[in-house]
Protein backbone atom coordinates (compact mmCIF):
# COMPACT_ATOMS: atom_id res chain seq x y z
CA MET A 1 -42.20 45.55 54.44
CA LYS A 2 -42.13 43.18 57.43
CA ASN A 3 -43.83 40.40 55.46
CA ARG A 4 -41.08 40.41 52.84
CA ASN A 5 -38.37 40.06 55.52
CA LYS A 6 -40.05 36.98 57.04
CA GLY A 7 -39.23 34.92 53.95
CA GLN A 8 -35.57 35.92 54.06
CA ILE A 9 -35.31 35.04 57.75
CA ARG A 10 -36.83 31.59 57.10
CA ILE A 11 -34.29 30.91 54.34
CA ILE A 12 -31.41 31.92 56.62
CA GLU A 13 -32.89 29.78 59.42
CA ALA A 14 -33.15 26.74 57.12
CA PHE A 15 -29.57 27.26 55.90
CA LEU A 16 -28.26 27.39 59.48
CA ALA A 17 -30.21 24.25 60.41
CA VAL A 18 -28.70 22.34 57.48
CA LEU A 19 -25.23 23.63 58.43
CA ILE A 20 -25.65 22.42 62.02
CA ILE A 21 -26.86 18.97 60.94
CA PHE A 22 -23.98 18.40 58.50
CA SER A 23 -21.37 19.65 60.97
CA SER A 24 -22.69 17.22 63.60
CA PHE A 25 -22.30 14.36 61.10
CA ALA A 26 -18.74 15.43 60.37
CA VAL A 27 -17.80 15.61 64.05
CA SER A 28 -19.44 12.29 64.96
CA SER A 29 -17.72 10.40 62.13
CA ASN A 30 -14.30 11.57 63.36
CA LEU A 31 -15.08 10.43 66.90
CA THR A 32 -15.91 6.87 65.89
CA ILE A 33 -12.74 6.48 63.81
CA ARG A 34 -10.54 7.56 66.70
CA GLN A 35 -12.24 5.20 69.16
CA SER A 36 -11.87 2.15 66.91
CA THR A 37 -8.20 2.99 66.31
CA LYS A 38 -7.56 3.16 70.06
CA ARG A 39 -9.35 -0.17 70.59
CA SER A 40 -7.30 -1.74 67.82
CA GLU A 41 -4.10 -0.46 69.44
CA TYR A 42 -5.30 -1.83 72.80
CA LEU A 43 -5.95 -5.26 71.26
CA ALA A 44 -2.52 -5.30 69.63
CA SER A 45 -0.92 -4.38 72.95
CA VAL A 46 -2.79 -7.15 74.78
CA GLY A 47 -1.77 -9.69 72.13
CA PHE A 48 1.88 -8.66 72.20
CA GLN A 49 1.94 -8.88 76.00
CA ALA A 50 0.38 -12.35 75.90
CA LEU A 51 3.01 -13.54 73.41
CA MET A 52 5.83 -12.09 75.50
CA LYS A 53 4.44 -13.65 78.66
CA LEU A 54 4.31 -17.12 77.09
CA ASP A 55 7.75 -16.67 75.53
CA SER A 56 9.42 -15.35 78.69
CA ASP A 57 9.59 -18.79 80.33
CA GLY A 58 10.21 -20.70 77.09
CA SER A 59 6.82 -22.42 77.02
CA LEU A 60 5.87 -20.84 73.68
CA GLY A 61 8.85 -22.37 71.88
CA LYS A 62 8.36 -25.70 73.65
CA TYR A 63 4.71 -25.93 72.52
CA ILE A 64 5.77 -25.18 68.94
CA ASP A 65 8.73 -27.59 68.97
CA ASP A 66 6.48 -30.38 70.28
CA GLY A 67 3.64 -29.53 67.91
CA ASN A 68 1.32 -29.35 70.90
CA TRP A 69 -1.26 -27.03 69.33
CA ALA A 70 -4.03 -27.86 71.83
CA ALA A 71 -1.83 -26.84 74.77
CA LEU A 72 -0.82 -23.67 72.92
CA ARG A 73 -4.49 -22.79 72.34
CA ASP A 74 -5.26 -23.45 76.02
CA ALA A 75 -2.32 -21.29 77.11
CA PHE A 76 -3.55 -18.38 74.99
CA SER A 77 -7.07 -18.83 76.32
CA MET A 78 -5.71 -18.51 79.86
CA VAL A 79 -3.38 -15.56 79.20
CA LEU A 80 -5.75 -13.39 77.16
CA PRO A 81 -8.55 -11.52 78.94
CA ALA A 82 -12.11 -12.80 78.71
CA GLY A 83 -14.02 -11.46 75.73
CA ILE A 84 -11.08 -11.46 73.32
CA CYS A 85 -11.06 -13.93 70.43
CA PHE A 86 -7.80 -15.03 68.85
CA ASN A 87 -6.45 -16.93 65.88
CA LEU A 88 -2.79 -17.95 65.79
CA THR A 89 -0.76 -19.18 62.82
CA VAL A 90 2.81 -20.43 63.26
CA TYR A 91 5.40 -20.29 60.45
CA ASN A 92 8.99 -21.46 60.26
CA GLY A 93 11.84 -19.30 58.99
CA GLN A 94 10.93 -20.05 55.36
CA MET A 95 7.32 -18.88 55.98
CA GLN A 96 5.89 -22.40 55.76
CA GLN A 97 2.90 -22.91 58.02
CA LEU A 98 3.67 -25.37 60.81
CA ASN A 99 0.34 -25.79 62.56
CA ASN A 100 -1.91 -28.26 60.79
CA VAL A 101 -4.90 -27.47 63.02
CA THR A 102 -6.59 -24.19 63.78
CA ILE A 103 -5.28 -22.50 66.91
CA SER A 104 -8.28 -20.39 67.83
CA ASN A 105 -10.86 -20.06 70.59
CA VAL A 106 -13.92 -18.95 68.54
CA GLY A 107 -14.89 -17.44 65.21
CA PHE A 108 -14.50 -13.75 64.48
CA SER A 109 -17.63 -11.63 64.26
CA SER A 110 -16.26 -8.24 65.24
CA GLN A 111 -15.20 -5.15 63.37
CA GLN A 112 -12.50 -4.40 65.95
CA ILE A 113 -9.60 -6.56 64.82
CA ALA A 114 -5.88 -6.28 65.50
CA PHE A 115 -2.90 -8.14 64.03
CA VAL A 116 0.36 -8.91 65.81
CA GLU A 117 3.47 -10.46 64.28
CA TYR A 118 5.95 -11.97 66.72
CA LEU A 119 9.32 -13.67 66.33
CA SER A 120 10.08 -16.54 68.69
CA VAL A 121 13.45 -18.27 68.90
CA THR A 122 14.35 -21.55 70.58
CA ARG A 123 17.90 -22.72 71.30
CA GLU A 124 17.35 -26.22 72.63
CA PRO A 125 17.97 -28.79 71.20
CA SER A 126 18.85 -26.67 68.16
CA PHE A 127 18.41 -23.07 67.10
CA ARG A 128 14.98 -22.51 65.52
CA CYS A 129 13.16 -19.37 64.49
CA TYR A 130 9.35 -19.14 64.38
CA ILE A 131 7.14 -16.36 63.10
CA LEU A 132 3.76 -16.11 64.78
CA HIS A 133 0.79 -14.26 63.34
CA LEU A 134 -1.80 -13.51 65.99
CA THR A 135 -5.14 -12.00 65.05
CA LEU A 136 -7.31 -10.64 67.86
CA ALA A 137 -10.90 -9.44 67.99
CA VAL A 138 -13.40 -8.34 70.61
CA ALA A 139 -16.09 -10.98 71.13
CA THR A 140 -19.58 -9.73 70.39
């Protein structure tokens, strides 16, 4: 009678092992999704703060009005933390792209990407509205 019960115990043991393995996969997949979402939110926050910092003293609008894309790229490189890549595209109010050169520090090779849309307004010499699309990624 004991020999017949050994087979049943082994089947139950195998079933529990499979259950534990699949539940660990389910838990680990949820953890990675939450971490990447938090990193994406962090990147978006850093990008928005950088845009606000450059716009607070009017330098952002001045760079765009003058078409000084190299100075704008350098300003973003200084304001953003090390290890964060960016790509900036500037549009006018009619969504026509204004920058004729790439405003970026390096190419993107990361899976952690965030997108920020920002509205900048200048009043001097005339009222102008610019829409900025900033894409950020963690350098790998």
